[in-house]
PDB file of N, CA and C in Angstrom:
ATOM      1  N   MET A   1     -21.820  43.963  20.612  1.00  0.00           N
ATOM      2  CA  MET A   1     -22.961  45.577  20.454  1.00  0.00           C
ATOM      3  C   MET A   1     -23.204  46.332  21.858  1.00  0.00           C
ATOM      4  N   LYS A   2     -24.154  46.137  22.126  1.00  0.00           N
ATOM      5  CA  LYS A   2     -25.014  45.518  23.331  1.00  0.00           C
ATOM      6  C   LYS A   2     -24.097  46.460  24.500  1.00  0.00           C
ATOM      7  N   LEU A   3     -22.804  45.666  25.027  1.00  0.00           N
ATOM      8  CA  LEU A   3     -22.095  46.171  25.759  1.00  0.00           C
ATOM      9  C   LEU A   3     -21.376  47.768  25.561  1.00  0.00           C
ATOM     10  N   LYS A   4     -21.571  47.918  24.332  1.00  0.00           N
ATOM     11  CA  LYS A   4     -20.512  48.949  23.563  1.00  0.00           C
ATOM     12  C   LYS A   4     -21.624  49.647  23.840  1.00  0.00           C
ATOM     13  N   SER A   5     -22.912  49.525  23.394  1.00  0.00           N
ATOM     14  CA  SER A   5     -24.083  50.713  24.151  1.00  0.00           C
ATOM     15  C   SER A   5     -24.152  50.782  25.496  1.00  0.00           C
ATOM     16  N   LEU A   6     -24.397  50.314  25.860  1.00  0.00           N
ATOM     17  CA  LEU A   6     -24.343  50.213  27.239  1.00  0.00           C
ATOM     18  C   LEU A   6     -23.215  51.038  28.089  1.00  0.00           C
ATOM     19  N   LEU A   7     -21.485  51.115  27.634  1.00  0.00           N
ATOM     20  CA  LEU A   7     -20.694  51.426  28.265  1.00  0.00           C
ATOM     21  C   LEU A   7     -20.798  52.585  27.629  1.00  0.00           C
ATOM     22  N   TYR A   8     -21.199  53.292  26.499  1.00  0.00           N
ATOM     23  CA  TYR A   8     -21.289  54.528  25.727  1.00  0.00           C
ATOM     24  C   TYR A   8     -22.092  55.379  26.977  1.00  0.00           C
ATOM     25  N   GLY A   9     -23.674  54.633  27.139  1.00  0.00           N
ATOM     26  CA  GLY A   9     -24.606  55.500  28.143  1.00  0.00           C
ATOM     27  C   GLY A   9     -24.160  54.852  29.138  1.00  0.00           C
ATOM     28  N   VAL A  10     -23.433  54.516  30.146  1.00  0.00           N
ATOM     29  CA  VAL A  10     -23.044  55.032  31.109  1.00  0.00           C
ATOM     30  C   VAL A  10     -22.160  56.000  31.345  1.00  0.00           C
ATOM     31  N   VAL A  11     -21.166  55.816  30.226  1.00  0.00           N
ATOM     32  CA  VAL A  11     -20.023  57.220  30.499  1.00  0.00           C
ATOM     33  C   VAL A  11     -20.402  58.679  30.317  1.00  0.00           C
ATOM     34  N   ALA A  12     -21.847  58.385  28.904  1.00  0.00           N
ATOM     35  CA  ALA A  12     -22.652  59.382  29.133  1.00  0.00           C
ATOM     36  C   ALA A  12     -23.284  59.965  30.129  1.00  0.00           C
ATOM     37  N   GLY A  13     -23.779  59.447  30.577  1.00  0.00           N
ATOM     38  CA  GLY A  13     -24.646  59.696  32.119  1.00  0.00           C
ATOM     39  C   GLY A  13     -23.961  59.607  33.012  1.00  0.00           C
ATOM     40  N   GLY A  14     -23.144  59.192  33.089  1.00  0.00           N
ATOM     41  CA  GLY A  14     -21.715  60.093  34.231  1.00  0.00           C
ATOM     42  C   GLY A  14     -21.204  61.172  34.246  1.00  0.00           C
ATOM     43  N   ALA A  15     -21.458  61.769  33.031  1.00  0.00           N
ATOM     44  CA  ALA A  15     -20.241  63.045  32.807  1.00  0.00           C
ATOM     45  C   ALA A  15     -21.638  63.754  33.044  1.00  0.00           C
ATOM     46  N   ILE A  16     -22.637  63.371  32.143  1.00  0.00           N
ATOM     47  CA  ILE A  16     -24.058  64.423  32.195  1.00  0.00           C
ATOM     48  C   ILE A  16     -24.279  64.672  33.555  1.00  0.00           C
ATOM     49  N   ALA A  17     -24.217  63.898  34.225  1.00  0.00           N
ATOM     50  CA  ALA A  17     -24.781  63.875  36.368  1.00  0.00           C
ATOM     51  C   ALA A  17     -23.603  64.788  36.992  1.00  0.00           C
ATOM     52  N   SER A  18     -22.183  64.377  36.608  1.00  0.00           N
ATOM     53  CA  SER A  18     -21.395  65.236  37.235  1.00  0.00           C
ATOM     54  C   SER A  18     -21.004  66.990  36.532  1.00  0.00           C
ATOM     55  N   ILE A  19     -20.909  67.013  35.448  1.00  0.00           N
ATOM     56  CA  ILE A  19     -21.310  68.175  35.335  1.00  0.00           C
ATOM     57  C   ILE A  19     -22.706  69.264  36.009  1.00  0.00           C
ATOM     58  N   THR A  20     -23.853  68.456  35.368  1.00  0.00           N
ATOM     59  CA  THR A  20     -25.369  69.383  36.134  1.00  0.00           C
ATOM     60  C   THR A  20     -25.003  69.574  37.108  1.00  0.00           C
ATOM     61  N   THR A  21     -24.095  68.182  38.270  1.00  0.00           N
ATOM     62  CA  THR A  21     -23.719  68.617  39.475  1.00  0.00           C
ATOM     63  C   THR A  21     -22.754  69.785  39.955  1.00  0.00           C
ATOM     64  N   LEU A  22     -21.749  69.992  38.945  1.00  0.00           N
ATOM     65  CA  LEU A  22     -21.066  71.212  39.163  1.00  0.00           C
ATOM     66  C   LEU A  22     -21.504  72.283  39.052  1.00  0.00           C
ATOM     67  N   LEU A  23     -22.380  72.409  37.811  1.00  0.00           N
ATOM     68  CA  LEU A  23     -23.262  73.847  37.517  1.00  0.00           C
ATOM     69  C   LEU A  23     -23.966  74.079  38.076  1.00  0.00           C
ATOM     70  N   LEU A  24     -24.590  73.109  39.265  1.00  0.00           N
ATOM     71  CA  LEU A  24     -25.712  73.337  39.868  1.00  0.00           C
ATOM     72  C   LEU A  24     -25.263  73.713  40.754  1.00  0.00           C
ATOM     73  N   THR A  25     -24.295  73.444  42.055  1.00  0.00           N
ATOM     74  CA  THR A  25     -23.719  73.589  43.292  1.00  0.00           C
ATOM     75  C   THR A  25     -22.767  75.132  43.104  1.00  0.00           C
ATOM     76  N   PRO A  26     -22.924  75.772  43.894  1.00  0.00           N
ATOM     77  CA  PRO A  26     -22.627  77.056  44.544  1.00  0.00           C
ATOM     78  C   PRO A  26     -20.977  76.682  44.698  1.00  0.00           C
ATOM     79  N   LYS A  27     -20.202  77.771  44.423  1.00  0.00           N
ATOM     80  CA  LYS A  27     -18.908  77.229  44.458  1.00  0.00           C
ATOM     81  C   LYS A  27     -17.965  78.432  43.731  1.00  0.00           C
ATOM     82  N   SER A  28     -16.724  78.433  44.292  1.00  0.00           N
ATOM     83  CA  SER A  28     -15.880  79.599  43.679  1.00  0.00           C
ATOM     84  C   SER A  28     -15.311  79.463  42.703  1.00  0.00           C
ATOM     85  N   GLY A  29     -14.541  80.099  41.946  1.00  0.00           N
ATOM     86  CA  GLY A  29     -13.789  79.911  40.473  1.00  0.00           C
ATOM     87  C   GLY A  29     -12.900  78.519  40.570  1.00  0.00           C
ATOM     88  N   LYS A  30     -11.944  78.581  41.911  1.00  0.00           N
ATOM     89  CA  LYS A  30     -11.118  78.016  41.769  1.00  0.00           C
ATOM     90  C   LYS A  30     -11.845  76.362  42.404  1.00  0.00           C
ATOM     91  N   GLU A  31     -12.427  76.688  43.352  1.00  0.00           N
ATOM     92  CA  GLU A  31     -13.182  75.651  43.693  1.00  0.00           C
ATOM     93  C   GLU A  31     -13.900  74.831  42.537  1.00  0.00           C
ATOM     94  N   LEU A  32     -14.265  75.635  41.948  1.00  0.00           N
ATOM     95  CA  LEU A  32     -14.541  74.938  40.644  1.00  0.00           C
ATOM     96  C   LEU A  32     -13.998  73.909  39.955  1.00  0.00           C
ATOM     97  N   GLN A  33     -13.001  74.942  39.397  1.00  0.00           N
ATOM     98  CA  GLN A  33     -11.950  74.317  39.206  1.00  0.00           C
ATOM     99  C   GLN A  33     -11.389  72.918  39.190  1.00  0.00           C
ATOM    100  N   ASN A  34     -11.180  73.073  40.674  1.00  0.00           N
ATOM    101  CA  ASN A  34     -10.317  71.823  41.072  1.00  0.00           C
ATOM    102  C   ASN A  34     -11.464  71.077  41.110  1.00  0.00           C
ATOM    103  N   SER A  35     -13.108  71.219  41.478  1.00  0.00           N
ATOM    104  CA  SER A  35     -13.815  70.270  40.792  1.00  0.00           C
ATOM    105  C   SER A  35     -13.588  69.423  39.333  1.00  0.00           C
ATOM    106  N   LEU A  36     -13.942  70.690  38.797  1.00  0.00           N
ATOM    107  CA  LEU A  36     -13.977  69.888  37.286  1.00  0.00           C
ATOM    108  C   LEU A  36     -12.859  68.489  37.091  1.00  0.00           C
ATOM    109  N   VAL A  37     -11.538  69.465  37.158  1.00  0.00           N
ATOM    110  CA  VAL A  37     -10.505  68.453  37.560  1.00  0.00           C
ATOM    111  C   VAL A  37     -10.258  67.324  37.880  1.00  0.00           C
ATOM    112  N   ASN A  38     -10.996  67.062  38.785  1.00  0.00           N
ATOM    113  CA  ASN A  38     -11.704  65.788  39.718  1.00  0.00           C
ATOM    114  C   ASN A  38     -12.688  65.312  39.125  1.00  0.00           C
ATOM    115  N   THR A  39     -13.238  65.572  38.312  1.00  0.00           N
ATOM    116  CA  THR A  39     -14.338  65.536  38.332  1.00  0.00           C
ATOM    117  C   THR A  39     -14.042  64.577  36.474  1.00  0.00           C
ATOM    118  N   ALA A  40     -13.056  65.478  35.645  1.00  0.00           N
ATOM    119  CA  ALA A  40     -12.697  64.534  34.776  1.00  0.00           C
ATOM    120  C   ALA A  40     -11.605  63.910  34.742  1.00  0.00           C
ATOM    121  N   ASN A  41     -10.719  63.683  35.977  1.00  0.00           N
ATOM    122  CA  ASN A  41     -10.323  62.675  36.373  1.00  0.00           C
ATOM    123  C   ASN A  41     -10.928  61.151  36.543  1.00  0.00           C
ATOM    124  N   THR A  42     -11.886  61.351  37.597  1.00  0.00           N
ATOM    125  CA  THR A  42     -13.049  60.756  38.010  1.00  0.00           C
ATOM    126  C   THR A  42     -13.207  59.911  36.399  1.00  0.00           C
ATOM    127  N   ILE A  43     -13.716  60.794  35.770  1.00  0.00           N
ATOM    128  CA  ILE A  43     -14.689  59.713  34.556  1.00  0.00           C
ATOM    129  C   ILE A  43     -13.273  58.887  33.875  1.00  0.00           C
ATOM    130  N   LYS A  44     -12.051  59.758  33.520  1.00  0.00           N
ATOM    131  CA  LYS A  44     -10.985  59.172  32.950  1.00  0.00           C
ATOM    132  C   LYS A  44     -11.021  57.928  33.844  1.00  0.00           C
ATOM    133  N   ASN A  45     -10.906  57.890  34.923  1.00  0.00           N
ATOM    134  CA  ASN A  45     -10.002  56.395  35.221  1.00  0.00           C
ATOM    135  C   ASN A  45     -11.375  55.590  35.261  1.00  0.00           C
ATOM    136  N   ASN A  46     -13.042  55.703  35.386  1.00  0.00           N
ATOM    137  CA  ASN A  46     -13.746  55.380  34.692  1.00  0.00           C
ATOM    138  C   ASN A  46     -13.479  54.250  33.439  1.00  0.00           C
ATOM    139  N   LEU A  47     -13.198  55.395  32.723  1.00  0.00           N
ATOM    140  CA  LEU A  47     -13.224  55.151  30.926  1.00  0.00           C
ATOM    141  C   LEU A  47     -12.173  54.160  30.906  1.00  0.00           C
ATOM    142  N   ASN A  48     -11.344  54.200  31.651  1.00  0.00           N
ATOM    143  CA  ASN A  48      -9.684  53.979  32.216  1.00  0.00           C
ATOM    144  C   ASN A  48     -10.225  51.629  32.495  1.00  0.00           C
ATOM    145  N   GLU A  49     -10.772  52.027  33.489  1.00  0.00           N
ATOM    146  CA  GLU A  49     -10.870  50.749  34.204  1.00  0.00           C
ATOM    147  C   GLU A  49     -12.331  49.966  33.583  1.00  0.00           C
ATOM    148  N   THR A  50     -13.096  50.135  32.930  1.00  0.00           N
ATOM    149  CA  THR A  50     -14.505  50.042  31.877  1.00  0.00           C
ATOM    150  C   THR A  50     -13.450  49.346  30.611  1.00  0.00           C
ATOM    151  N   LYS A  51     -12.457  50.167  29.817  1.00  0.00           N
ATOM    152  CA  LYS A  51     -11.338  49.363  29.017  1.00  0.00           C
ATOM    153  C   LYS A  51     -11.031  48.373  29.430  1.00  0.00           C
ATOM    154  N   GLU A  52      -9.951  48.465  30.802  1.00  0.00           N
ATOM    155  CA  GLU A  52      -9.511  47.448  31.203  1.00  0.00           C
ATOM    156  C   GLU A  52     -10.585  45.920  30.901  1.00  0.00           C
ATOM    157  N   HIS A  53     -12.006  46.055  31.891  1.00  0.00           N
ATOM    158  CA  HIS A  53     -12.766  44.634  31.808  1.00  0.00           C
ATOM    159  C   HIS A  53     -13.675  44.331  30.581  1.00  0.00           C
ATOM    160  N   THR A  54     -13.137  45.560  29.652  1.00  0.00           N
ATOM    161  CA  THR A  54     -13.963  45.083  28.378  1.00  0.00           C
ATOM    162  C   THR A  54     -12.932  44.015  27.877  1.00  0.00           C
ATOM    163  N   ILE A  55     -10.973  44.179  27.716  1.00  0.00           N
ATOM    164  CA  ILE A  55     -10.584  43.720  27.265  1.00  0.00           C
ATOM    165  C   ILE A  55     -10.604  42.390  27.988  1.00  0.00           C
ATOM    166  N   SER A  56     -10.179  41.916  29.533  1.00  0.00           N
ATOM    167  CA  SER A  56     -10.405  41.056  30.036  1.00  0.00           C
ATOM    168  C   SER A  56     -11.482  40.004  29.609  1.00  0.00           C
ATOM    169  N   LEU A  57     -12.903  40.775  29.581  1.00  0.00           N
ATOM    170  CA  LEU A  57     -13.619  39.707  28.867  1.00  0.00           C
ATOM    171  C   LEU A  57     -13.656  39.016  27.222  1.00  0.00           C
ATOM    172  N   LYS A  58     -13.024  40.159  26.778  1.00  0.00           N
ATOM    173  CA  LYS A  58     -12.904  40.156  25.432  1.00  0.00           C
ATOM    174  C   LYS A  58     -11.795  38.758  25.528  1.00  0.00           C
ATOM    175  N   ASN A  59     -10.866  39.070  26.338  1.00  0.00           N
ATOM    176  CA  ASN A  59     -10.074  38.035  26.511  1.00  0.00           C
ATOM    177  C   ASN A  59     -10.598  35.811  27.285  1.00  0.00           C
ATOM    178  N   GLN A  60     -11.657  36.835  28.080  1.00  0.00           N
ATOM    179  CA  GLN A  60     -11.948  35.660  28.113  1.00  0.00           C
ATOM    180  C   GLN A  60     -12.858  34.399  27.389  1.00  0.00           C
ATOM    181  N   PHE A  61     -13.834  35.951  26.672  1.00  0.00           N
ATOM    182  CA  PHE A  61     -14.223  35.334  25.209  1.00  0.00           C
ATOM    183  C   PHE A  61     -13.814  34.394  24.708  1.00  0.00           C
ATOM    184  N   SER A  62     -12.410  35.248  24.556  1.00  0.00           N
ATOM    185  CA  SER A  62     -11.981  34.058  23.136  1.00  0.00           C
ATOM    186  C   SER A  62     -11.461  32.706  23.973  1.00  0.00           C
ATOM    187  N   ASP A  63     -10.875  32.590  25.119  1.00  0.00           N
ATOM    188  CA  ASP A  63     -10.116  31.536  25.937  1.00  0.00           C
ATOM    189  C   ASP A  63     -11.367  30.463  25.590  1.00  0.00           C
ATOM    190  N   THR A  64     -12.129  30.700  26.393  1.00  0.00           N
ATOM    191  CA  THR A  64     -13.376  30.098  26.270  1.00  0.00           C
ATOM    192  C   THR A  64     -13.803  29.230  25.002  1.00  0.00           C
ATOM    193  N   ALA A  65     -13.749  30.251  23.941  1.00  0.00           N
ATOM    194  CA  ALA A  65     -14.232  30.223  22.402  1.00  0.00           C
ATOM    195  C   ALA A  65     -13.185  28.760  21.927  1.00  0.00           C
ATOM    196  N   LYS A  66     -11.372  28.589  22.518  1.00  0.00           N
ATOM    197  CA  LYS A  66     -10.716  27.831  22.141  1.00  0.00           C
ATOM    198  C   LYS A  66     -10.452  26.905  23.192  1.00  0.00           C
ATOM    199  N   ILE A  67     -11.068  26.866  24.408  1.00  0.00           N
ATOM    200  CA  ILE A  67     -10.496  25.918  25.124  1.00  0.00           C
ATOM    201  C   ILE A  67     -12.268  24.497  24.284  1.00  0.00           C
ATOM    202  N   SER A  68     -13.585  25.846  24.403  1.00  0.00           N
ATOM    203  CA  SER A  68     -14.773  24.814  23.847  1.00  0.00           C
ATOM    204  C   SER A  68     -14.458  24.101  22.296  1.00  0.00           C
ATOM    205  N   LYS A  69     -13.652  24.362  21.192  1.00  0.00           N
ATOM    206  CA  LYS A  69     -13.399  24.245  20.497  1.00  0.00           C
ATOM    207  C   LYS A  69     -12.672  22.977  20.381  1.00  0.00           C
ATOM    208  N   GLU A  70     -11.603  23.022  21.129  1.00  0.00           N
ATOM    209  CA  GLU A  70     -10.463  21.576  21.482  1.00  0.00           C
ATOM    210  C   GLU A  70     -11.176  20.775  22.142  1.00  0.00           C
ATOM    211  N   ALA A  71     -12.595  21.157  22.885  1.00  0.00           N
ATOM    212  CA  ALA A  71     -12.783  19.791  23.893  1.00  0.00           C
ATOM    213  C   ALA A  71     -14.092  19.453  22.822  1.00  0.00           C
ATOM    214  N   ILE A  72     -14.906  19.740  21.895  1.00  0.00           N
ATOM    215  CA  ILE A  72     -15.999  19.494  20.961  1.00  0.00           C
ATOM    216  C   ILE A  72     -14.639  18.509  20.013  1.00  0.00           C
ATOM    217  N   ASP A  73     -13.493  19.028  19.765  1.00  0.00           N
ATOM    218  CA  ASP A  73     -13.033  18.554  18.680  1.00  0.00           C
ATOM    219  C   ASP A  73     -12.487  17.027  19.228  1.00  0.00           C
ATOM    220  N   THR A  74     -11.663  16.905  19.915  1.00  0.00           N
ATOM    221  CA  THR A  74     -11.560  15.068  21.466  1.00  0.00           C
ATOM    222  C   THR A  74     -12.609  15.032  21.201  1.00  0.00           C
ATOM    223  N   VAL A  75     -14.464  15.551  21.652  1.00  0.00           N
ATOM    224  CA  VAL A  75     -15.525  14.493  21.884  1.00  0.00           C
ATOM    225  C   VAL A  75     -15.441  13.685  20.913  1.00  0.00           C
ATOM    226  N   SER A  76     -15.412  14.596  19.648  1.00  0.00           N
ATOM    227  CA  SER A  76     -15.662  14.564  18.075  1.00  0.00           C
ATOM    228  C   SER A  76     -15.027  13.436  17.702  1.00  0.00           C
ATOM    229  N   LYS A  77     -13.687  13.129  18.171  1.00  0.00           N
ATOM    230  CA  LYS A  77     -12.704  11.900  17.844  1.00  0.00           C
ATOM    231  C   LYS A  77     -12.649  11.144  18.740  1.00  0.00           C
ATOM    232  N   ASP A  78     -13.422  11.149  20.021  1.00  0.00           N
ATOM    233  CA  ASP A  78     -13.268   9.581  21.337  1.00  0.00           C
ATOM    234  C   ASP A  78     -15.006   9.040  20.289  1.00  0.00           C
ATOM    235  N   VAL A  79     -15.592  10.369  20.024  1.00  0.00           N
ATOM    236  CA  VAL A  79     -17.270   9.506  19.418  1.00  0.00           C
ATOM    237  C   VAL A  79     -16.974   8.381  18.688  1.00  0.00           C
ATOM    238  N   LYS A  80     -16.384   9.179  17.738  1.00  0.00           N
ATOM    239  CA  LYS A  80     -15.928   8.107  15.930  1.00  0.00           C
ATOM    240  C   LYS A  80     -15.217   6.948  16.279  1.00  0.00           C
ATOM    241  N   ILE A  81     -14.308   6.902  17.102  1.00  0.00           N
ATOM    242  CA  ILE A  81     -13.632   6.087  17.476  1.00  0.00           C
ATOM    243  C   ILE A  81     -14.728   5.088  18.412  1.00  0.00           C
ATOM    244  N   SER A  82     -15.411   4.914  19.037  1.00  0.00           N
ATOM    245  CA  SER A  82     -15.992   4.390  20.290  1.00  0.00           C
ATOM    246  C   SER A  82     -17.255   3.485  18.538  1.00  0.00           C
ATOM    247  N   ILE A  83     -17.640   4.819  17.693  1.00  0.00           N
ATOM    248  CA  ILE A  83     -18.283   4.111  16.725  1.00  0.00           C
ATOM    249  C   ILE A  83     -18.040   2.737  15.798  1.00  0.00           C
ATOM    250  N   ASP A  84     -16.191   3.103  15.377  1.00  0.00           N
ATOM    251  CA  ASP A  84     -15.620   2.629  14.690  1.00  0.00           C
ATOM    252  C   ASP A  84     -15.752   1.524  15.285  1.00  0.00           C
ATOM    253  N   ASP A  85     -15.039   1.623  16.653  1.00  0.00           N
ATOM    254  CA  ASP A  85     -14.809  -0.016  17.699  1.00  0.00           C
ATOM    255  C   ASP A  85     -16.560  -1.089  17.667  1.00  0.00           C
ATOM    256  N   TRP A  86     -17.295   0.104  17.966  1.00  0.00           N
ATOM    257  CA  TRP A  86     -18.525  -0.840  17.889  1.00  0.00           C
ATOM    258  C   TRP A  86     -19.439  -1.733  16.643  1.00  0.00           C
ATOM    259  N   LYS A  87     -18.875  -0.943  16.003  1.00  0.00           N
ATOM    260  CA  LYS A  87     -18.966  -1.495  14.545  1.00  0.00           C
ATOM    261  C   LYS A  87     -18.630  -2.834  14.010  1.00  0.00           C
ATOM    262  N   GLN A  88     -17.100  -3.368  14.719  1.00  0.00           N
ATOM    263  CA  GLN A  88     -15.905  -3.933  14.075  1.00  0.00           C
ATOM    264  C   GLN A  88     -16.557  -5.193  15.270  1.00  0.00           C
ATOM    265  N   GLU A  89     -16.793  -4.756  16.377  1.00  0.00           N
ATOM    266  CA  GLU A  89     -17.380  -5.706  17.365  1.00  0.00           C
ATOM    267  C   GLU A  89     -19.074  -6.493  17.447  1.00  0.00           C
ATOM    268  N   VAL A  90     -19.680  -5.475  16.320  1.00  0.00           N
ATOM    269  CA  VAL A  90     -21.453  -6.264  16.042  1.00  0.00           C
ATOM    270  C   VAL A  90     -21.275  -6.386  14.923  1.00  0.00           C
ATOM    271  N   GLU A  91     -19.912  -6.678  13.738  1.00  0.00           N
ATOM    272  CA  GLU A  91     -19.756  -7.252  12.759  1.00  0.00           C
ATOM    273  C   GLU A  91     -19.886  -8.476  12.763  1.00  0.00           C
ATOM    274  N   PRO A  92     -19.350  -9.429  13.641  1.00  0.00           N
ATOM    275  CA  PRO A  92     -19.605 -10.874  13.266  1.00  0.00           C
ATOM    276  C   PRO A  92     -21.129 -11.278  13.324  1.00  0.00           C
ATOM    277  N   ALA A  93     -21.838  -9.949  14.686  1.00  0.00           N
ATOM    278  CA  ALA A  93     -22.851 -10.587  15.040  1.00  0.00           C
ATOM    279  C   ALA A  93     -23.796 -10.780  14.098  1.00  0.00           C
ATOM    280  N   LEU A  94     -23.784  -9.552  13.271  1.00  0.00           N
ATOM    281  CA  LEU A  94     -24.515  -9.001  12.263  1.00  0.00           C
ATOM    282  C   LEU A  94     -24.544 -10.114  11.057  1.00  0.00           C
ATOM    283  N   LYS A  95     -23.450 -10.617  10.568  1.00  0.00           N
ATOM    284  CA  LYS A  95     -23.101 -11.831   9.339  1.00  0.00           C
ATOM    285  C   LYS A  95     -23.957 -12.735   9.409  1.00  0.00           C
ATOM    286  N   GLN A  96     -23.406 -13.287  11.256  1.00  0.00           N
ATOM    287  CA  GLN A  96     -24.651 -14.486  11.868  1.00  0.00           C
ATOM    288  C   GLN A  96     -25.576 -14.321  11.631  1.00  0.00           C
ATOM    289  N   LEU A  97     -26.621 -12.963  11.828  1.00  0.00           N
ATOM    290  CA  LEU A  97     -28.204 -13.172  11.476  1.00  0.00           C
ATOM    291  C   LEU A  97     -28.207 -13.011   9.834  1.00  0.00           C
ATOM    292  N   GLN A  98     -27.298 -12.243   9.679  1.00  0.00           N
ATOM    293  CA  GLN A  98     -27.675 -12.434   8.290  1.00  0.00           C
ATOM    294  C   GLN A  98     -27.736 -13.809   7.017  1.00  0.00           C
ATOM    295  N   LYS A  99     -26.721 -14.565   8.045  1.00  0.00           N
ATOM    296  CA  LYS A  99     -26.730 -15.963   7.738  1.00  0.00           C
ATOM    297  C   LYS A  99     -28.050 -16.596   7.641  1.00  0.00           C
ATOM    298  N   GLU A 100     -28.246 -16.600   9.422  1.00  0.00           N
ATOM    299  CA  GLU A 100     -29.522 -17.101   9.377  1.00  0.00           C
ATOM    300  C   GLU A 100     -30.746 -16.280   8.707  1.00  0.00           C
ATOM    301  N   ILE A 101     -30.954 -15.330   8.573  1.00  0.00           N
ATOM    302  CA  ILE A 101     -32.071 -14.964   7.805  1.00  0.00           C
ATOM    303  C   ILE A 101     -31.811 -15.537   6.064  1.00  0.00           C
ATOM    304  N   ASP A 102     -30.605 -15.864   5.662  1.00  0.00           N
ATOM    305  CA  ASP A 102     -30.410 -16.536   4.699  1.00  0.00           C
ATOM    306  C   ASP A 102     -31.353 -18.157   4.331  1.00  0.00           C
ATOM    307  N   ASP A 103     -30.983 -18.798   5.535  1.00  0.00           N
ATOM    308  CA  ASP A 103     -31.069 -20.443   5.706  1.00  0.00           C
ATOM    309  C   ASP A 103     -32.061 -19.839   5.692  1.00  0.00           C
ATOM    310  N   LEU A 104     -33.339 -18.876   6.646  1.00  0.00           N
ATOM    311  CA  LEU A 104     -34.620 -19.336   6.880  1.00  0.00           C
ATOM    312  C   LEU A 104     -35.533 -18.847   6.300  1.00  0.00           C
ATOM    313  N   GLN A 105     -34.764 -18.078   4.635  1.00  0.00           N
ATOM    314  CA  GLN A 105     -35.666 -17.434   3.437  1.00  0.00           C
ATOM    315  C   GLN A 105     -35.535 -19.190   2.379  1.00  0.00           C
ATOM    316  N   GLU A 106     -34.528 -19.755   3.302  1.00  0.00           N
ATOM    317  CA  GLU A 106     -34.034 -20.672   1.727  1.00  0.00           C
ATOM    318  C   GLU A 106     -35.330 -21.764   2.330  1.00  0.00           C
ATOM    319  N   ALA A 107     -35.397 -22.261   3.601  1.00  0.00           N
ATOM    320  CA  ALA A 107     -35.879 -23.162   4.390  1.00  0.00           C
ATOM    321  C   ALA A 107     -37.789 -22.850   4.055  1.00  0.00           C
ATOM    322  N   LEU A 108     -37.897 -21.414   4.059  1.00  0.00           N
ATOM    323  CA  LEU A 108     -39.271 -21.561   3.645  1.00  0.00           C
ATOM    324  C   LEU A 108     -39.508 -21.556   2.216  1.00  0.00           C
ATOM    325  N   GLN A 109     -38.401 -20.790   1.862  1.00  0.00           N
ATOM    326  CA  GLN A 109     -38.702 -21.433  -0.244  1.00  0.00           C
ATOM    327  C   GLN A 109     -38.959 -22.471  -0.321  1.00  0.00           C
ATOM    328  N   GLY A 110     -38.037 -23.378   0.013  1.00  0.00           N
ATOM    329  CA  GLY A 110     -37.927 -25.171   0.346  1.00  0.00           C
ATOM    330  C   GLY A 110     -38.845 -25.779   0.350  1.00  0.00           C
ATOM    331  N   SER A 111     -39.282 -25.303   1.562  1.00  0.00           N
ATOM    332  CA  SER A 111     -40.467 -25.571   2.273  1.00  0.00           C
ATOM    333  C   SER A 111     -42.077 -25.357   1.071  1.00  0.00           C
ATOM    334  N   GLY A 112     -41.794 -24.125   0.814  1.00  0.00           N
ATOM    335  CA  GLY A 112     -43.244 -23.661  -0.199  1.00  0.00           C
ATOM    336  C   GLY A 112     -42.828 -24.677  -1.342  1.00  0.00           C
ATOM    337  N   ARG A 113     -42.395 -24.843  -1.693  1.00  0.00           N
ATOM    338  CA  ARG A 113     -41.793 -25.555  -3.234  1.00  0.00           C
ATOM    339  C   ARG A 113     -42.496 -27.661  -2.918  1.00  0.00           C
ATOM    340  N   SER A 114     -42.285 -27.711  -2.126  1.00  0.00           N
ATOM    341  CA  SER A 114     -42.974 -29.234  -1.527  1.00  0.00           C
ATOM    342  C   SER A 114     -44.004 -29.507  -1.713  1.00  0.00           C
ATOM    343  N   ASN A 115     -45.162 -27.993  -1.394  1.00  0.00           N
ATOM    344  CA  ASN A 115     -46.463 -28.433  -1.448  1.00  0.00           C
ATOM    345  C   ASN A 115     -47.020 -28.258  -2.280  1.00  0.00           C
TER     346      ASN A 115
END
């Protein structure tokens, strides 16, 4: 929305400046007419250029959003696979630790009963 407002401001400012210059400069009718036509063409060209730049910018934003989404999807899948692989690698060690903890608890309970 800010870009649109800026665009309107630039166009309006250019038109006002052109019209003011034309009206304040002493010229003959033919010169004034030619000058108005030239100014109108300049404004039209500026609007067309601005439109082309805006469309290009919009396309760049769309492309960037699409590429970013694809990259995020890929990274998310890779991270999930890495986490799953890590869990599988760590699982035997976790089972061994749990067994050792259980053995220690039994040993402590057994020694507590003998006292």
